Amino acid sequence: MTNVTRTLTVLLLALTIQTVSGQTANEILAKHEAATGFNFRLKIKTLTSIGQITQMGNTLPISIIQKRPNKYRFDVHLDEGRITQAFDGTEGWSFNPFSSQDTIPLEGPELAQIKESADFDGILHNYRQKGFTMQLVGQVKIGQQDVWKIQIRKPTGEVMNFFIDTRSYLVVKSDVGLLIDRMPYVAESVFGDFRKVGGMVLPYFIQTRNGAMLTETRIDTVRINETMEDYYFQRNR
């Protein structure tokens, strides 16, 4: 095989991967942005979500506050106080009064996960700026649901999969392979109960499985563009 022939073969293979049933990955992502009201999201500076989390049979109230471009705070509210995880734009930290009376820095996979949660617009919309690559794997099924499988690959080799409904163009599932203490496992999220707020369409139900741990989050209220000071996200040392 000549160099020219080899180059043409690689290009044709790339085109085959990126185009399925007449749609390219970029076309699918453009329809996803339209379906989720991404243009409205770009105008939003802060986002507050109030709801409940259920884990191991226990249901507790939660609040999530986000501030553009990458500040994030998650609180579980208890009678005895609160459990917090946050990212201030540079550092991640947590506070759990049952294990320590001080905040502690987040590291490793926990830090990586909260940094992704803090990304206000989401990885599907800014993967290029992060130096990630994107590929349209093809059309697959989740149960009886037809979905597009979009794969994001990081320079580290970590792969994230997003499953976009072929009719609504909303992400109904995502998964990522993680390595914790040198042991591989998959973190998986399923999204549902989509509602419109501030021009955006957001999931009000999220079911997450990290290894054997199953967590369900239900959002009751979403508020946008409230005044939100940076100190809410900062770690008290």
Protein backbone atom coordinates (compact mmCIF):
# COMPACT_ATOMS: atom_id res chain seq x y z
CA MET A 1 0.00 0.00 0.00
CA THR A 2 1.44 3.38 -1.01
CA ASN A 3 1.58 6.34 1.36
CA VAL A 4 -1.12 8.10 -0.68
CA THR A 5 -3.39 5.06 -0.60
CA ARG A 6 -2.80 4.61 3.12
CA THR A 7 -3.68 8.28 3.76
CA LEU A 8 -6.88 8.02 1.73
CA THR A 9 -7.85 4.85 3.60
CA VAL A 10 -7.37 6.58 6.98
CA LEU A 11 -9.41 9.59 5.84
CA LEU A 12 -12.25 7.40 4.56
CA LEU A 13 -12.25 5.45 7.83
CA ALA A 14 -12.44 8.69 9.82
CA LEU A 15 -15.35 9.90 7.69
CA THR A 16 -17.13 6.58 8.18
CA ILE A 17 -16.73 6.82 11.95
CA GLN A 18 -17.88 10.46 12.11
CA THR A 19 -20.92 10.08 9.80
CA VAL A 20 -23.70 7.61 10.60
CA SER A 21 -27.10 7.50 8.89
CA GLY A 22 -26.41 10.80 7.15
CA GLN A 23 -25.63 12.75 10.33
CA THR A 24 -22.23 13.89 11.49
CA ALA A 25 -21.15 14.19 15.10
CA ASN A 26 -21.10 17.99 14.78
CA GLU A 27 -24.68 17.99 13.42
CA ILE A 28 -25.84 15.82 16.33
CA LEU A 29 -24.13 18.09 18.87
CA ALA A 30 -25.66 21.17 17.20
CA LYS A 31 -29.14 19.61 17.56
CA HIS A 32 -28.28 18.72 21.16
CA GLU A 33 -27.36 22.36 21.87
CA ALA A 34 -30.64 23.53 20.34
CA ALA A 35 -32.66 20.96 22.31
CA THR A 36 -31.08 21.93 25.63
CA GLY A 37 -31.35 25.70 25.06
CA PHE A 38 -27.60 26.19 25.10
CA ASN A 39 -27.88 29.77 23.81
CA PHE A 40 -29.95 30.62 26.90
CA ARG A 41 -27.44 28.84 29.15
CA LEU A 42 -24.63 31.07 27.89
CA LYS A 43 -26.51 34.07 29.35
CA ILE A 44 -26.85 32.49 32.79
CA LYS A 45 -24.25 33.39 35.41
CA THR A 46 -25.45 31.43 38.44
CA LEU A 47 -27.60 28.35 38.97
CA THR A 48 -29.13 27.09 42.23
CA SER A 49 -30.75 23.65 42.46
CA ILE A 50 -32.70 22.43 45.51
CA GLY A 51 -33.82 18.85 45.95
CA GLN A 52 -33.23 15.51 47.63
CA ILE A 53 -30.66 12.74 47.41
CA THR A 54 -31.34 9.07 48.18
CA GLN A 55 -28.51 6.71 49.00
CA MET A 56 -28.55 3.38 50.85
CA GLY A 57 -32.23 3.88 51.72
CA ASN A 58 -31.73 7.32 53.25
CA THR A 59 -33.24 10.48 51.69
CA LEU A 60 -31.79 13.86 52.61
CA PRO A 61 -32.24 17.46 51.39
CA ILE A 62 -29.51 18.91 49.16
CA SER A 63 -28.55 22.17 47.51
CA ILE A 64 -26.26 22.70 44.52
CA ILE A 65 -24.94 26.14 43.61
CA GLN A 66 -22.93 26.92 40.47
CA LYS A 67 -21.29 30.08 39.24
CA ARG A 68 -19.81 30.68 35.81
CA PRO A 69 -17.29 29.64 34.67
CA ASN A 70 -16.26 26.87 37.07
CA LYS A 71 -17.35 27.33 40.68
CA TYR A 72 -19.46 24.59 42.27
CA ARG A 73 -20.78 23.64 45.69
CA PHE A 74 -22.84 20.61 46.77
CA ASP A 75 -24.36 20.48 50.28
CA VAL A 76 -26.21 17.67 52.03
CA HIS A 77 -28.26 19.24 54.83
CA LEU A 78 -28.55 17.32 58.10
CA ASP A 79 -30.12 18.04 61.46
CA GLU A 80 -26.58 17.96 62.86
CA GLY A 81 -25.12 20.29 60.22
CA ARG A 82 -24.03 19.75 56.63
CA ILE A 83 -21.71 17.72 54.43
CA THR A 84 -20.10 19.77 51.67
CA GLN A 85 -18.02 19.26 48.54
CA ALA A 86 -16.94 22.32 46.55
CA PHE A 87 -14.64 23.65 43.86
CA ASP A 88 -13.58 27.29 44.02
CA GLY A 89 -12.27 27.49 40.46
CA THR A 90 -8.81 26.28 41.44
CA GLU A 91 -9.05 23.92 44.41
CA GLY A 92 -11.54 21.29 45.49
CA TRP A 93 -12.41 20.68 49.12
CA SER A 94 -14.84 18.83 51.36
CA PHE A 95 -16.25 19.10 54.86
CA ASN A 96 -17.77 16.23 56.84
CA PRO A 97 -18.35 16.91 60.55
CA PHE A 98 -18.62 13.17 61.21
CA SER A 99 -15.00 12.57 60.18
CA SER A 100 -13.25 15.90 60.78
CA GLN A 101 -13.86 19.33 62.24
CA ASP A 102 -11.90 20.96 59.42
CA THR A 103 -12.17 21.13 55.65
CA ILE A 104 -9.88 18.84 53.68
CA PRO A 105 -8.56 19.19 50.10
CA LEU A 106 -9.88 16.89 47.38
CA GLU A 107 -7.38 14.91 45.34
CA GLY A 108 -7.25 12.28 42.62
CA PRO A 109 -10.55 10.99 41.16
CA GLU A 110 -12.67 13.01 43.63
CA LEU A 111 -11.00 16.23 42.51
CA ALA A 112 -11.35 15.26 38.83
CA GLN A 113 -15.06 14.52 39.26
CA ILE A 114 -15.91 17.77 41.03
CA LYS A 115 -13.93 19.79 38.46
CA GLU A 116 -16.11 18.28 35.74
CA SER A 117 -19.25 19.02 37.78
CA ALA A 118 -18.03 22.61 38.09
CA ASP A 119 -17.78 23.06 34.31
CA PHE A 120 -20.80 25.34 33.83
CA ASP A 121 -21.42 24.53 30.16
CA GLY A 122 -20.42 20.86 30.11
CA ILE A 123 -17.79 18.84 28.35
CA LEU A 124 -19.80 18.24 25.16
CA HIS A 125 -19.71 21.96 24.44
CA ASN A 126 -16.09 22.76 25.19
CA TYR A 127 -14.13 19.53 24.68
CA ARG A 128 -11.94 21.18 22.01
CA GLN A 129 -10.78 23.93 24.37
CA LYS A 130 -9.77 21.24 26.87
CA GLY A 131 -7.71 19.37 24.27
CA PHE A 132 -10.06 16.38 24.17
CA THR A 133 -11.14 14.51 21.04
CA MET A 134 -14.69 13.54 20.06
CA GLN A 135 -15.98 10.62 17.99
CA LEU A 136 -19.42 9.51 16.88
CA VAL A 137 -19.44 5.78 17.61
CA GLY A 138 -22.86 5.20 16.06
CA GLN A 139 -26.51 4.55 16.84
CA VAL A 140 -27.20 2.06 19.63
CA LYS A 141 -30.08 1.10 21.90
CA ILE A 142 -30.67 1.64 25.60
CA GLY A 143 -33.55 -0.71 26.25
CA GLN A 144 -36.04 0.21 23.52
CA GLN A 145 -34.61 3.71 23.13
CA ASP A 146 -32.53 4.64 20.07
CA VAL A 147 -29.57 6.83 20.98
CA TRP A 148 -26.45 8.30 19.42
CA LYS A 149 -23.27 7.25 21.21
CA ILE A 150 -20.74 10.10 21.36
CA GLN A 151 -17.31 9.35 22.80
CA ILE A 152 -14.97 11.92 24.35
CA ARG A 153 -11.35 10.89 24.84
CA LYS A 154 -8.93 12.74 27.11
CA PRO A 155 -5.15 12.89 26.54
CA THR A 156 -4.80 10.66 29.63
CA GLY A 157 -6.66 7.92 27.76
CA GLU A 158 -9.80 8.24 29.90
CA VAL A 159 -12.95 7.79 27.83
CA MET A 160 -16.38 9.30 28.48
CA ASN A 161 -19.48 8.12 26.62
CA PHE A 162 -22.61 10.22 26.12
CA PHE A 163 -25.87 8.72 24.84
CA ILE A 164 -28.10 11.24 23.04
CA ASP A 165 -31.72 10.36 22.29
CA THR A 166 -32.29 10.29 18.51
CA ARG A 167 -35.65 12.11 18.81
CA SER A 168 -35.23 14.61 21.64
CA TYR A 169 -31.44 15.06 21.26
CA LEU A 170 -31.12 15.16 25.05
CA VAL A 171 -28.42 13.21 26.89
CA VAL A 172 -30.21 10.33 28.61
CA LYS A 173 -27.11 8.50 29.89
CA SER A 174 -23.37 8.92 30.34
CA ASP A 175 -20.55 6.74 31.62
CA VAL A 176 -16.84 6.99 32.29
CA GLY A 177 -14.20 4.41 33.10
CA LEU A 178 -12.20 5.25 36.24
CA LEU A 179 -9.17 3.78 37.96
CA ILE A 180 -9.46 3.90 41.75
CA ASP A 181 -6.56 2.46 43.77
CA ARG A 182 -5.44 0.74 40.55
CA MET A 183 -8.81 -0.98 40.25
CA PRO A 184 -10.97 -0.17 37.19
CA TYR A 185 -14.66 0.54 37.52
CA VAL A 186 -17.37 2.42 35.62
CA ALA A 187 -19.29 5.45 36.89
CA GLU A 188 -22.66 5.67 35.14
CA SER A 189 -25.41 8.32 35.19
CA VAL A 190 -28.96 8.14 33.82
CA PHE A 191 -30.96 11.36 33.27
CA GLY A 192 -34.73 11.91 33.17
CA ASP A 193 -37.70 14.14 34.07
CA PHE A 194 -36.51 16.93 31.77
CA ARG A 195 -38.04 20.36 32.38
CA LYS A 196 -37.58 23.83 30.91
CA VAL A 197 -36.27 26.66 33.09
CA GLY A 198 -34.85 29.97 31.93
CA GLY A 199 -34.96 28.73 28.34
CA MET A 200 -32.83 25.69 29.23
CA VAL A 201 -33.95 22.06 29.41
CA LEU A 202 -32.52 20.34 32.49
CA PRO A 203 -32.86 16.85 34.01
CA TYR A 204 -34.68 16.93 37.34
CA PHE A 205 -33.87 13.26 37.99
CA ILE A 206 -30.36 11.75 37.95
CA GLN A 207 -29.49 8.20 38.90
CA THR A 208 -25.77 7.61 39.42
CA ARG A 209 -23.95 4.33 39.94
CA ASN A 210 -20.33 4.51 41.13
CA GLY A 211 -19.19 0.93 41.41
CA ALA A 212 -21.72 -0.73 43.72
CA MET A 213 -23.04 2.58 45.12
CA LEU A 214 -26.40 3.71 43.70
CA THR A 215 -27.50 7.31 44.22
CA GLU A 216 -30.70 9.05 43.08
CA THR A 217 -31.01 12.82 42.92
CA ARG A 218 -34.37 14.56 42.47
CA ILE A 219 -34.49 18.30 41.92
CA ASP A 220 -37.55 20.25 43.10
CA THR A 221 -36.54 23.86 42.40
CA VAL A 222 -34.08 25.60 40.08
CA ARG A 223 -33.28 29.31 40.38
CA ILE A 224 -31.13 31.30 37.97
CA ASN A 225 -28.99 34.45 38.11
CA GLU A 226 -29.21 35.01 41.85
CA THR A 227 -26.46 37.05 43.48
CA MET A 228 -23.78 34.59 44.59
CA GLU A 229 -20.57 35.67 46.31
CA ASP A 230 -17.32 33.81 45.68
CA TYR A 231 -16.80 33.07 49.39
CA TYR A 232 -19.53 30.41 49.23
CA PHE A 233 -17.08 28.28 47.25
CA GLN A 234 -13.91 29.06 49.16
CA ARG A 235 -12.33 26.69 51.61
CA ASN A 236 -12.10 27.84 55.24
CA ARG A 237 -8.71 26.72 56.44
